[in-house]
Amino acid sequence: YENLYGYYFKDENTGIAVGAATRGTFVARTFDGGQNWIPIPAPFGTTMRAVSGIGDKLWAAGGAGLLATSNDFGATWELLTPIPSSTLHGFTFTSSMTGYAAGFDGVFIKTTDGGGTFKGSYITAGGRCYNVQDIHFLNDNIGFAAHSYRMVTKTTNGGESWFQILPDTIPATFTNSGIHFIDELHGVVVGRIATNTDVIYRTTDGGQNWSTQLNTVFKNMQDVAFANETIGAIVADGLKGVYTTNGGETWIPSQINNVTGEPNLRKLVFINPNDAIAVGDKVILRSRDGGANWDYIQ
């Protein structure tokens, strides 16, 4: 179902209604006085709360500070809000000048002046605009995003447009938390399909085909990183981790030393094929052997 919060009629027969659904912003138009409504795409992920207009010119407002306008009665939209105020989950720089961040409601922001200014937009693909949990860019143009509802998207033009390479699914329990592409063909995505039912997706052909591996650690997986085409690691809730020496074909449990309790691990990064850092709930870990063993850092 869709929740509708605002509407505007420019004449007796032609109207537009706005709101939101699980798949992002919802917009529909009628041309027969409201007897029939036709959904149309909108490049936003947050809830539209109100819409007004003069003729074909529209203005809309919504969650996360969303302000948008349309000159053709909703066929195309322009985001007026420079930076929607959503939580950001993924953040990466590809050079000293170009960086990207993405997060809740599919918000995507980009800088080309070293962080001095950012421009906001939303990651939409196939009519879907889901929360982004992580992003990974190979260079200034080619990047990937891991979303809720299992969706994985790709851009080849620095975030101007996106397309699905792993399609979304209906169950809300499916979510991807971490993504890393070694190159444009080889990538790994991690997450869960249900609480404490982890999943690893792996592609060797740029996302045309994916292999799926379930229940490697029986905890929600949070992040994946690679040092090169063979050495990589994954961290998860409950102080769980695995590593690979063959590009993700197989995964081996990591040994984590001198940590009290079972804190959740959130992110990791490789400095070189041997040295890596992982962080989580009140814990920082360091590996000196490619993720096979992790030691607590005071």
C-alpha atoms as a PDB file:
ATOM      1  CA  TYR A   1       0.000   0.000   0.000  1.00  0.00           C
ATOM      2  CA  GLU A   2       0.943   3.633  -0.329  1.00  0.00           C
ATOM      3  CA  ASN A   3       0.311   6.470   2.112  1.00  0.00           C
ATOM      4  CA  LEU A   4      -0.790   9.734   0.504  1.00  0.00           C
ATOM      5  CA  TYR A   5      -0.403  13.079   2.279  1.00  0.00           C
ATOM      6  CA  GLY A   6      -0.873  15.832  -0.288  1.00  0.00           C
ATOM      7  CA  TYR A   7      -2.619  16.588  -3.571  1.00  0.00           C
ATOM      8  CA  TYR A   8      -3.075  19.359  -6.110  1.00  0.00           C
ATOM      9  CA  PHE A   9      -5.505  19.734  -9.004  1.00  0.00           C
ATOM     10  CA  LYS A  10      -4.673  22.186 -11.785  1.00  0.00           C
ATOM     11  CA  ASP A  11      -8.164  21.852 -13.259  1.00  0.00           C
ATOM     12  CA  GLU A  12     -11.316  19.787 -12.884  1.00  0.00           C
ATOM     13  CA  ASN A  13      -9.740  16.623 -14.333  1.00  0.00           C
ATOM     14  CA  THR A  14      -5.981  16.837 -13.847  1.00  0.00           C
ATOM     15  CA  GLY A  15      -4.487  16.184 -10.435  1.00  0.00           C
ATOM     16  CA  ILE A  16      -1.463  14.805  -8.647  1.00  0.00           C
ATOM     17  CA  ALA A  17      -1.091  13.097  -5.249  1.00  0.00           C
ATOM     18  CA  VAL A  18       2.118  12.537  -3.269  1.00  0.00           C
ATOM     19  CA  GLY A  19       3.184  10.372  -0.355  1.00  0.00           C
ATOM     20  CA  ALA A  20       5.419   7.383   0.318  1.00  0.00           C
ATOM     21  CA  ALA A  21       5.646   3.608   0.321  1.00  0.00           C
ATOM     22  CA  THR A  22       8.248   1.021   1.273  1.00  0.00           C
ATOM     23  CA  ARG A  23       9.906   1.471  -2.109  1.00  0.00           C
ATOM     24  CA  GLY A  24      10.428   5.218  -1.755  1.00  0.00           C
ATOM     25  CA  THR A  25       8.526   8.355  -2.670  1.00  0.00           C
ATOM     26  CA  PHE A  26       5.098   7.714  -4.187  1.00  0.00           C
ATOM     27  CA  VAL A  27       3.538  10.005  -6.806  1.00  0.00           C
ATOM     28  CA  ALA A  28       0.403   9.379  -8.882  1.00  0.00           C
ATOM     29  CA  ARG A  29      -1.531  11.462 -11.407  1.00  0.00           C
ATOM     30  CA  THR A  30      -5.104  11.478 -12.653  1.00  0.00           C
ATOM     31  CA  PHE A  31      -6.485  12.890 -15.905  1.00  0.00           C
ATOM     32  CA  ASP A  32     -10.152  11.995 -15.403  1.00  0.00           C
ATOM     33  CA  GLY A  33     -11.078  13.799 -12.217  1.00  0.00           C
ATOM     34  CA  GLY A  34      -9.768  11.096  -9.904  1.00  0.00           C
ATOM     35  CA  GLN A  35     -11.510   8.031 -11.303  1.00  0.00           C
ATOM     36  CA  ASN A  36      -8.150   6.516 -12.256  1.00  0.00           C
ATOM     37  CA  TRP A  37      -4.674   7.187 -10.876  1.00  0.00           C
ATOM     38  CA  ILE A  38      -1.394   6.359 -12.629  1.00  0.00           C
ATOM     39  CA  PRO A  39       1.796   5.982 -10.520  1.00  0.00           C
ATOM     40  CA  ILE A  40       4.822   7.818 -11.938  1.00  0.00           C
ATOM     41  CA  PRO A  41       8.498   7.608 -10.927  1.00  0.00           C
ATOM     42  CA  ALA A  42      10.006  10.191  -8.587  1.00  0.00           C
ATOM     43  CA  PRO A  43      13.780  10.278  -7.974  1.00  0.00           C
ATOM     44  CA  PHE A  44      13.531  10.488  -4.185  1.00  0.00           C
ATOM     45  CA  GLY A  45      13.368   8.036  -1.298  1.00  0.00           C
ATOM     46  CA  THR A  46      11.787  10.094   1.446  1.00  0.00           C
ATOM     47  CA  THR A  47       8.131  10.813   2.165  1.00  0.00           C
ATOM     48  CA  MET A  48       6.508  13.644   0.228  1.00  0.00           C
ATOM     49  CA  ARG A  49       4.147  15.467   2.591  1.00  0.00           C
ATOM     50  CA  ALA A  50       2.695  18.273   0.497  1.00  0.00           C
ATOM     51  CA  VAL A  51       2.435  19.497  -3.072  1.00  0.00           C
ATOM     52  CA  SER A  52       1.223  22.739  -4.602  1.00  0.00           C
ATOM     53  CA  GLY A  53       1.337  24.285  -8.025  1.00  0.00           C
ATOM     54  CA  ILE A  54       0.431  26.836 -10.647  1.00  0.00           C
ATOM     55  CA  GLY A  55      -0.549  25.108 -13.852  1.00  0.00           C
ATOM     56  CA  ASP A  56       2.112  22.528 -14.732  1.00  0.00           C
ATOM     57  CA  LYS A  57       4.628  24.061 -12.306  1.00  0.00           C
ATOM     58  CA  LEU A  58       4.799  22.065  -9.048  1.00  0.00           C
ATOM     59  CA  TRP A  59       6.541  22.426  -5.702  1.00  0.00           C
ATOM     60  CA  ALA A  60       6.717  19.576  -3.188  1.00  0.00           C
ATOM     61  CA  ALA A  61       7.963  19.245   0.378  1.00  0.00           C
ATOM     62  CA  GLY A  62       8.678  16.204   2.511  1.00  0.00           C
ATOM     63  CA  GLY A  63      10.841  14.395   5.024  1.00  0.00           C
ATOM     64  CA  ALA A  64      14.581  14.982   5.516  1.00  0.00           C
ATOM     65  CA  GLY A  65      14.069  18.598   4.436  1.00  0.00           C
ATOM     66  CA  LEU A  66      12.998  17.564   0.936  1.00  0.00           C
ATOM     67  CA  LEU A  67      12.090  20.454  -1.356  1.00  0.00           C
ATOM     68  CA  ALA A  68      11.592  19.674  -5.041  1.00  0.00           C
ATOM     69  CA  THR A  69      10.074  21.251  -8.114  1.00  0.00           C
ATOM     70  CA  SER A  70       8.698  20.097 -11.458  1.00  0.00           C
ATOM     71  CA  ASN A  71       7.995  22.084 -14.615  1.00  0.00           C
ATOM     72  CA  ASP A  72       5.997  19.343 -16.378  1.00  0.00           C
ATOM     73  CA  PHE A  73       3.401  18.289 -13.807  1.00  0.00           C
ATOM     74  CA  GLY A  74       5.558  15.624 -12.186  1.00  0.00           C
ATOM     75  CA  ALA A  75       7.052  13.936 -15.234  1.00  0.00           C
ATOM     76  CA  THR A  76      10.527  15.088 -14.141  1.00  0.00           C
ATOM     77  CA  TRP A  77      11.730  16.583 -10.866  1.00  0.00           C
ATOM     78  CA  GLU A  78      14.582  18.729  -9.620  1.00  0.00           C
ATOM     79  CA  LEU A  79      15.814  18.473  -6.020  1.00  0.00           C
ATOM     80  CA  LEU A  80      16.066  21.937  -4.461  1.00  0.00           C
ATOM     81  CA  THR A  81      17.455  20.830  -1.083  1.00  0.00           C
ATOM     82  CA  PRO A  82      21.287  20.892  -1.319  1.00  0.00           C
ATOM     83  CA  ILE A  83      21.788  18.160   1.306  1.00  0.00           C
ATOM     84  CA  PRO A  84      18.797  16.137   2.588  1.00  0.00           C
ATOM     85  CA  SER A  85      19.199  15.655   6.341  1.00  0.00           C
ATOM     86  CA  SER A  86      19.429  11.862   6.421  1.00  0.00           C
ATOM     87  CA  THR A  87      21.785   9.563   8.319  1.00  0.00           C
ATOM     88  CA  LEU A  88      24.787   8.594   6.173  1.00  0.00           C
ATOM     89  CA  HIS A  89      26.095   5.018   6.330  1.00  0.00           C
ATOM     90  CA  GLY A  90      28.740   4.791   3.602  1.00  0.00           C
ATOM     91  CA  PHE A  91      31.543   7.279   2.908  1.00  0.00           C
ATOM     92  CA  THR A  92      34.468   7.077   0.487  1.00  0.00           C
ATOM     93  CA  PHE A  93      36.921   9.288  -1.372  1.00  0.00           C
ATOM     94  CA  THR A  94      38.413   8.263  -4.728  1.00  0.00           C
ATOM     95  CA  SER A  95      40.866  11.180  -4.866  1.00  0.00           C
ATOM     96  CA  SER A  96      41.815  14.230  -2.849  1.00  0.00           C
ATOM     97  CA  MET A  97      38.950  16.124  -4.490  1.00  0.00           C
ATOM     98  CA  THR A  98      36.154  13.617  -5.197  1.00  0.00           C
ATOM     99  CA  GLY A  99      34.156  11.868  -2.487  1.00  0.00           C
ATOM    100  CA  TYR A 100      30.782  10.223  -1.993  1.00  0.00           C
ATOM    101  CA  ALA A 101      28.437   9.383   0.874  1.00  0.00           C
ATOM    102  CA  ALA A 102      25.053   7.652   0.993  1.00  0.00           C
ATOM    103  CA  GLY A 103      22.527   6.504   3.556  1.00  0.00           C
ATOM    104  CA  PHE A 104      18.954   6.526   4.788  1.00  0.00           C
ATOM    105  CA  ASP A 105      16.125   6.899   2.243  1.00  0.00           C
ATOM    106  CA  GLY A 106      18.657   6.380  -0.563  1.00  0.00           C
ATOM    107  CA  VAL A 107      20.279   9.784  -0.031  1.00  0.00           C
ATOM    108  CA  PHE A 108      23.486  10.243  -2.050  1.00  0.00           C
ATOM    109  CA  ILE A 109      25.857  13.209  -1.771  1.00  0.00           C
ATOM    110  CA  LYS A 110      28.982  14.034  -3.761  1.00  0.00           C
ATOM    111  CA  THR A 111      31.853  16.498  -3.519  1.00  0.00           C
ATOM    112  CA  THR A 112      34.316  17.446  -6.241  1.00  0.00           C
ATOM    113  CA  ASP A 113      36.224  20.081  -4.275  1.00  0.00           C
ATOM    114  CA  GLY A 114      37.684  18.024  -1.446  1.00  0.00           C
ATOM    115  CA  GLY A 115      34.649  18.315   0.817  1.00  0.00           C
ATOM    116  CA  GLY A 116      34.222  22.067   0.583  1.00  0.00           C
ATOM    117  CA  THR A 117      30.740  21.643  -0.890  1.00  0.00           C
ATOM    118  CA  PHE A 118      28.462  18.680  -1.466  1.00  0.00           C
ATOM    119  CA  LYS A 119      25.564  18.169  -3.876  1.00  0.00           C
ATOM    120  CA  GLY A 120      22.661  15.930  -2.871  1.00  0.00           C
ATOM    121  CA  SER A 121      20.538  13.454  -4.817  1.00  0.00           C
ATOM    122  CA  TYR A 122      19.006  10.005  -4.314  1.00  0.00           C
ATOM    123  CA  ILE A 123      20.030   6.565  -5.561  1.00  0.00           C
ATOM    124  CA  THR A 124      17.047   5.273  -7.532  1.00  0.00           C
ATOM    125  CA  ALA A 125      17.074   2.227  -9.813  1.00  0.00           C
ATOM    126  CA  GLY A 126      14.229   0.330 -11.401  1.00  0.00           C
ATOM    127  CA  GLY A 127      11.701   2.535  -9.665  1.00  0.00           C
ATOM    128  CA  ARG A 128      13.190   1.633  -6.288  1.00  0.00           C
ATOM    129  CA  CYS A 129      14.849   3.910  -3.734  1.00  0.00           C
ATOM    130  CA  TYR A 130      15.933   2.001  -0.626  1.00  0.00           C
ATOM    131  CA  ASN A 131      18.219   2.790   2.298  1.00  0.00           C
ATOM    132  CA  VAL A 132      21.895   2.590   1.378  1.00  0.00           C
ATOM    133  CA  GLN A 133      24.041   0.737   3.920  1.00  0.00           C
ATOM    134  CA  ASP A 134      27.417   0.946   2.162  1.00  0.00           C
ATOM    135  CA  ILE A 135      29.055   2.254  -1.006  1.00  0.00           C
ATOM    136  CA  HIS A 136      32.269   1.379  -2.825  1.00  0.00           C
ATOM    137  CA  PHE A 137      33.824   3.296  -5.732  1.00  0.00           C
ATOM    138  CA  LEU A 138      36.612   2.022  -7.961  1.00  0.00           C
ATOM    139  CA  ASN A 139      37.298   5.465  -9.417  1.00  0.00           C
ATOM    140  CA  ASP A 140      35.538   8.807  -9.924  1.00  0.00           C
ATOM    141  CA  ASN A 141      32.922   7.238 -12.216  1.00  0.00           C
ATOM    142  CA  ILE A 142      32.358   3.563 -11.355  1.00  0.00           C
ATOM    143  CA  GLY A 143      30.731   2.817  -8.022  1.00  0.00           C
ATOM    144  CA  PHE A 144      28.435   0.356  -6.264  1.00  0.00           C
ATOM    145  CA  ALA A 145      25.880   0.617  -3.459  1.00  0.00           C
ATOM    146  CA  ALA A 146      24.474  -2.003  -1.062  1.00  0.00           C
ATOM    147  CA  HIS A 147      20.826  -1.437  -0.106  1.00  0.00           C
ATOM    148  CA  SER A 148      18.032  -2.758   2.043  1.00  0.00           C
ATOM    149  CA  TYR A 149      15.742  -5.343   0.427  1.00  0.00           C
ATOM    150  CA  ARG A 150      18.844  -7.068  -1.051  1.00  0.00           C
ATOM    151  CA  MET A 151      19.267  -4.527  -3.866  1.00  0.00           C
ATOM    152  CA  VAL A 152      22.729  -3.731  -5.257  1.00  0.00           C
ATOM    153  CA  THR A 153      23.151  -0.832  -7.674  1.00  0.00           C
ATOM    154  CA  LYS A 154      25.924   0.425  -9.923  1.00  0.00           C
ATOM    155  CA  THR A 155      26.821   3.776 -11.463  1.00  0.00           C
ATOM    156  CA  THR A 156      29.207   4.409 -14.354  1.00  0.00           C
ATOM    157  CA  ASN A 157      28.902   8.198 -14.383  1.00  0.00           C
ATOM    158  CA  GLY A 158      29.842   9.230 -10.862  1.00  0.00           C
ATOM    159  CA  GLY A 159      26.364   8.854  -9.382  1.00  0.00           C
ATOM    160  CA  GLU A 160      24.324  10.767 -11.969  1.00  0.00           C
ATOM    161  CA  SER A 161      22.340   7.596 -12.685  1.00  0.00           C
ATOM    162  CA  TRP A 162      22.151   4.082 -11.212  1.00  0.00           C
ATOM    163  CA  PHE A 163      20.949   0.642 -12.312  1.00  0.00           C
ATOM    164  CA  GLN A 164      20.323  -2.619 -10.479  1.00  0.00           C
ATOM    165  CA  ILE A 165      22.852  -5.446 -10.705  1.00  0.00           C
ATOM    166  CA  LEU A 166      21.251  -7.471  -7.894  1.00  0.00           C
ATOM    167  CA  PRO A 167      17.463  -6.961  -7.899  1.00  0.00           C
ATOM    168  CA  ASP A 168      15.435  -6.176  -4.821  1.00  0.00           C
ATOM    169  CA  THR A 169      13.176  -8.675  -3.094  1.00  0.00           C
ATOM    170  CA  ILE A 170       9.903  -8.281  -1.232  1.00  0.00           C
ATOM    171  CA  PRO A 171      10.797  -9.510   2.308  1.00  0.00           C
ATOM    172  CA  ALA A 172      11.980  -6.635   4.494  1.00  0.00           C
ATOM    173  CA  THR A 173      14.327  -8.953   6.417  1.00  0.00           C
ATOM    174  CA  PHE A 174      16.734  -8.994   3.456  1.00  0.00           C
ATOM    175  CA  THR A 175      19.360  -6.267   3.765  1.00  0.00           C
ATOM    176  CA  ASN A 176      22.902  -5.777   2.528  1.00  0.00           C
ATOM    177  CA  SER A 177      25.362  -4.135   4.922  1.00  0.00           C
ATOM    178  CA  GLY A 178      28.757  -4.197   3.208  1.00  0.00           C
ATOM    179  CA  ILE A 179      30.074  -4.163  -0.352  1.00  0.00           C
ATOM    180  CA  HIS A 180      33.518  -4.342  -1.955  1.00  0.00           C
ATOM    181  CA  PHE A 181      34.454  -4.695  -5.616  1.00  0.00           C
ATOM    182  CA  ILE A 182      38.024  -5.691  -6.415  1.00  0.00           C
ATOM    183  CA  ASP A 183      37.511  -4.538 -10.001  1.00  0.00           C
ATOM    184  CA  GLU A 184      34.491  -3.985 -12.230  1.00  0.00           C
ATOM    185  CA  LEU A 185      33.866  -7.745 -12.539  1.00  0.00           C
ATOM    186  CA  HIS A 186      34.703  -9.209  -9.119  1.00  0.00           C
ATOM    187  CA  GLY A 187      32.664  -8.177  -6.103  1.00  0.00           C
ATOM    188  CA  VAL A 188      31.328  -9.404  -2.758  1.00  0.00           C
ATOM    189  CA  VAL A 189      28.274  -8.180  -0.860  1.00  0.00           C
ATOM    190  CA  VAL A 190      27.434  -9.234   2.706  1.00  0.00           C
ATOM    191  CA  GLY A 191      24.367  -8.886   4.912  1.00  0.00           C
ATOM    192  CA  ARG A 192      21.469 -10.952   6.185  1.00  0.00           C
ATOM    193  CA  ILE A 193      18.256 -12.520   4.953  1.00  0.00           C
ATOM    194  CA  ALA A 194      16.818 -12.786   8.473  1.00  0.00           C
ATOM    195  CA  THR A 195      18.029 -12.088  11.995  1.00  0.00           C
ATOM    196  CA  ASN A 196      21.308 -13.981  12.524  1.00  0.00           C
ATOM    197  CA  THR A 197      20.989 -15.638   9.103  1.00  0.00           C
ATOM    198  CA  ASP A 198      23.957 -14.201   7.238  1.00  0.00           C
ATOM    199  CA  VAL A 199      24.470 -14.133   3.483  1.00  0.00           C
ATOM    200  CA  ILE A 200      27.427 -13.623   1.146  1.00  0.00           C
ATOM    201  CA  TYR A 201      26.784 -12.734  -2.495  1.00  0.00           C
ATOM    202  CA  ARG A 202      29.691 -13.042  -4.934  1.00  0.00           C
ATOM    203  CA  THR A 203      29.974 -12.123  -8.608  1.00  0.00           C
ATOM    204  CA  THR A 204      32.785 -12.639 -11.108  1.00  0.00           C
ATOM    205  CA  ASP A 205      31.035 -11.081 -14.117  1.00  0.00           C
ATOM    206  CA  GLY A 206      30.082  -7.612 -12.922  1.00  0.00           C
ATOM    207  CA  GLY A 207      26.776  -8.629 -11.378  1.00  0.00           C
ATOM    208  CA  GLN A 208      25.205 -10.568 -14.230  1.00  0.00           C
ATOM    209  CA  ASN A 209      25.347 -13.683 -12.062  1.00  0.00           C
ATOM    210  CA  TRP A 210      25.702 -14.107  -8.296  1.00  0.00           C
ATOM    211  CA  SER A 211      26.531 -17.042  -6.058  1.00  0.00           C
ATOM    212  CA  THR A 212      24.905 -17.142  -2.618  1.00  0.00           C
ATOM    213  CA  GLN A 213      26.374 -18.560   0.584  1.00  0.00           C
ATOM    214  CA  LEU A 214      24.270 -18.735   3.763  1.00  0.00           C
ATOM    215  CA  ASN A 215      25.042 -19.120   7.470  1.00  0.00           C
ATOM    216  CA  THR A 216      28.804 -18.760   7.472  1.00  0.00           C
ATOM    217  CA  VAL A 217      28.862 -17.247  10.983  1.00  0.00           C
ATOM    218  CA  PHE A 218      25.146 -17.366  11.996  1.00  0.00           C
ATOM    219  CA  LYS A 219      25.268 -13.640  12.819  1.00  0.00           C
ATOM    220  CA  ASN A 220      24.386 -10.493  10.901  1.00  0.00           C
ATOM    221  CA  MET A 221      27.331  -9.655   8.644  1.00  0.00           C
ATOM    222  CA  GLN A 222      28.305  -5.978   8.625  1.00  0.00           C
ATOM    223  CA  ASP A 223      31.252  -5.306   6.322  1.00  0.00           C
ATOM    224  CA  VAL A 224      33.620  -6.818   3.758  1.00  0.00           C
ATOM    225  CA  ALA A 225      36.971  -5.583   2.449  1.00  0.00           C
ATOM    226  CA  PHE A 226      39.723  -6.868   0.176  1.00  0.00           C
ATOM    227  CA  ALA A 227      43.417  -6.047   0.067  1.00  0.00           C
ATOM    228  CA  ASN A 228      43.824  -7.449  -3.462  1.00  0.00           C
ATOM    229  CA  GLU A 229      42.205  -9.991  -5.768  1.00  0.00           C
ATOM    230  CA  THR A 230      42.737 -12.865  -3.307  1.00  0.00           C
ATOM    231  CA  ILE A 231      43.003 -11.553   0.283  1.00  0.00           C
ATOM    232  CA  GLY A 232      39.801 -10.393   1.981  1.00  0.00           C
ATOM    233  CA  ALA A 233      37.841 -10.484   5.236  1.00  0.00           C
ATOM    234  CA  ILE A 234      34.332 -10.067   6.655  1.00  0.00           C
ATOM    235  CA  VAL A 235      33.241  -8.861  10.100  1.00  0.00           C
ATOM    236  CA  ALA A 236      29.894  -9.461  11.790  1.00  0.00           C
ATOM    237  CA  ASP A 237      27.859  -9.076  14.950  1.00  0.00           C
ATOM    238  CA  GLY A 238      28.789 -11.118  17.997  1.00  0.00           C
ATOM    239  CA  LEU A 239      32.546 -10.705  17.480  1.00  0.00           C
ATOM    240  CA  LYS A 240      32.496 -12.925  14.403  1.00  0.00           C
ATOM    241  CA  GLY A 241      34.789 -12.761  11.399  1.00  0.00           C
ATOM    242  CA  VAL A 242      35.986 -14.797   8.416  1.00  0.00           C
ATOM    243  CA  TYR A 243      38.755 -14.378   5.870  1.00  0.00           C
ATOM    244  CA  THR A 244      39.601 -15.625   2.386  1.00  0.00           C
ATOM    245  CA  THR A 245      42.795 -16.286   0.465  1.00  0.00           C
ATOM    246  CA  ASN A 246      41.154 -17.162  -2.856  1.00  0.00           C
ATOM    247  CA  GLY A 247      39.066 -14.124  -3.711  1.00  0.00           C
ATOM    248  CA  GLY A 248      36.003 -15.220  -1.782  1.00  0.00           C
ATOM    249  CA  GLU A 249      35.528 -18.711  -3.184  1.00  0.00           C
ATOM    250  CA  THR A 250      35.835 -20.051   0.372  1.00  0.00           C
ATOM    251  CA  TRP A 251      35.826 -18.394   3.794  1.00  0.00           C
ATOM    252  CA  ILE A 252      37.677 -19.480   6.944  1.00  0.00           C
ATOM    253  CA  PRO A 253      36.718 -18.478  10.528  1.00  0.00           C
ATOM    254  CA  SER A 254      38.985 -15.802  12.021  1.00  0.00           C
ATOM    255  CA  GLN A 255      40.508 -16.052  15.479  1.00  0.00           C
ATOM    256  CA  ILE A 256      39.822 -13.001  17.671  1.00  0.00           C
ATOM    257  CA  ASN A 257      41.996 -12.635  20.760  1.00  0.00           C
ATOM    258  CA  ASN A 258      41.804 -10.857  24.133  1.00  0.00           C
ATOM    259  CA  VAL A 259      38.317  -9.363  23.788  1.00  0.00           C
ATOM    260  CA  THR A 260      35.824  -9.531  26.642  1.00  0.00           C
ATOM    261  CA  GLY A 261      32.261 -10.373  25.640  1.00  0.00           C
ATOM    262  CA  GLU A 262      30.934 -10.517  22.095  1.00  0.00           C
ATOM    263  CA  PRO A 263      30.702  -6.937  20.799  1.00  0.00           C
ATOM    264  CA  ASN A 264      29.362  -6.312  17.320  1.00  0.00           C
ATOM    265  CA  LEU A 265      31.954  -5.475  14.657  1.00  0.00           C
ATOM    266  CA  ARG A 266      30.981  -2.762  12.172  1.00  0.00           C
ATOM    267  CA  LYS A 267      33.709  -1.854   9.666  1.00  0.00           C
ATOM    268  CA  LEU A 268      37.115  -2.994   8.470  1.00  0.00           C
ATOM    269  CA  VAL A 269      39.840  -1.790   6.124  1.00  0.00           C
ATOM    270  CA  PHE A 270      43.024  -3.299   4.701  1.00  0.00           C
ATOM    271  CA  ILE A 271      46.195  -1.227   4.836  1.00  0.00           C
ATOM    272  CA  ASN A 272      48.115  -3.849   2.858  1.00  0.00           C
ATOM    273  CA  PRO A 273      47.642  -7.624   2.299  1.00  0.00           C
ATOM    274  CA  ASN A 274      48.832  -8.347   5.843  1.00  0.00           C
ATOM    275  CA  ASP A 275      47.664  -5.421   7.973  1.00  0.00           C
ATOM    276  CA  ALA A 276      43.992  -4.641   8.593  1.00  0.00           C
ATOM    277  CA  ILE A 277      41.934  -2.714  11.134  1.00  0.00           C
ATOM    278  CA  ALA A 278      38.402  -3.582  12.295  1.00  0.00           C
ATOM    279  CA  VAL A 279      36.186  -1.472  14.543  1.00  0.00           C
ATOM    280  CA  GLY A 280      32.955  -2.093  16.417  1.00  0.00           C
ATOM    281  CA  ASP A 281      31.088  -1.516  19.656  1.00  0.00           C
ATOM    282  CA  LYS A 282      33.775  -0.189  22.029  1.00  0.00           C
ATOM    283  CA  VAL A 283      36.440  -2.269  20.315  1.00  0.00           C
ATOM    284  CA  ILE A 284      39.298  -1.800  17.834  1.00  0.00           C
ATOM    285  CA  LEU A 285      41.076  -4.827  16.390  1.00  0.00           C
ATOM    286  CA  ARG A 286      44.215  -5.251  14.334  1.00  0.00           C
ATOM    287  CA  SER A 287      45.264  -8.134  12.106  1.00  0.00           C
ATOM    288  CA  ARG A 288      48.799  -8.702  10.881  1.00  0.00           C
ATOM    289  CA  ASP A 289      48.046 -11.814   8.801  1.00  0.00           C
ATOM    290  CA  GLY A 290      45.299 -10.850   6.372  1.00  0.00           C
ATOM    291  CA  GLY A 291      42.373 -11.293   8.751  1.00  0.00           C
ATOM    292  CA  ALA A 292      43.195 -14.770  10.020  1.00  0.00           C
ATOM    293  CA  ASN A 293      43.873 -13.478  13.535  1.00  0.00           C
ATOM    294  CA  TRP A 294      42.697 -10.279  15.218  1.00  0.00           C
ATOM    295  CA  ASP A 295      44.167  -8.736  18.355  1.00  0.00           C
ATOM    296  CA  TYR A 296      42.544  -6.224  20.673  1.00  0.00           C
ATOM    297  CA  ILE A 297      44.045  -2.719  20.669  1.00  0.00           C
ATOM    298  CA  GLN A 298      43.838  -0.915  24.023  1.00  0.00           C
END
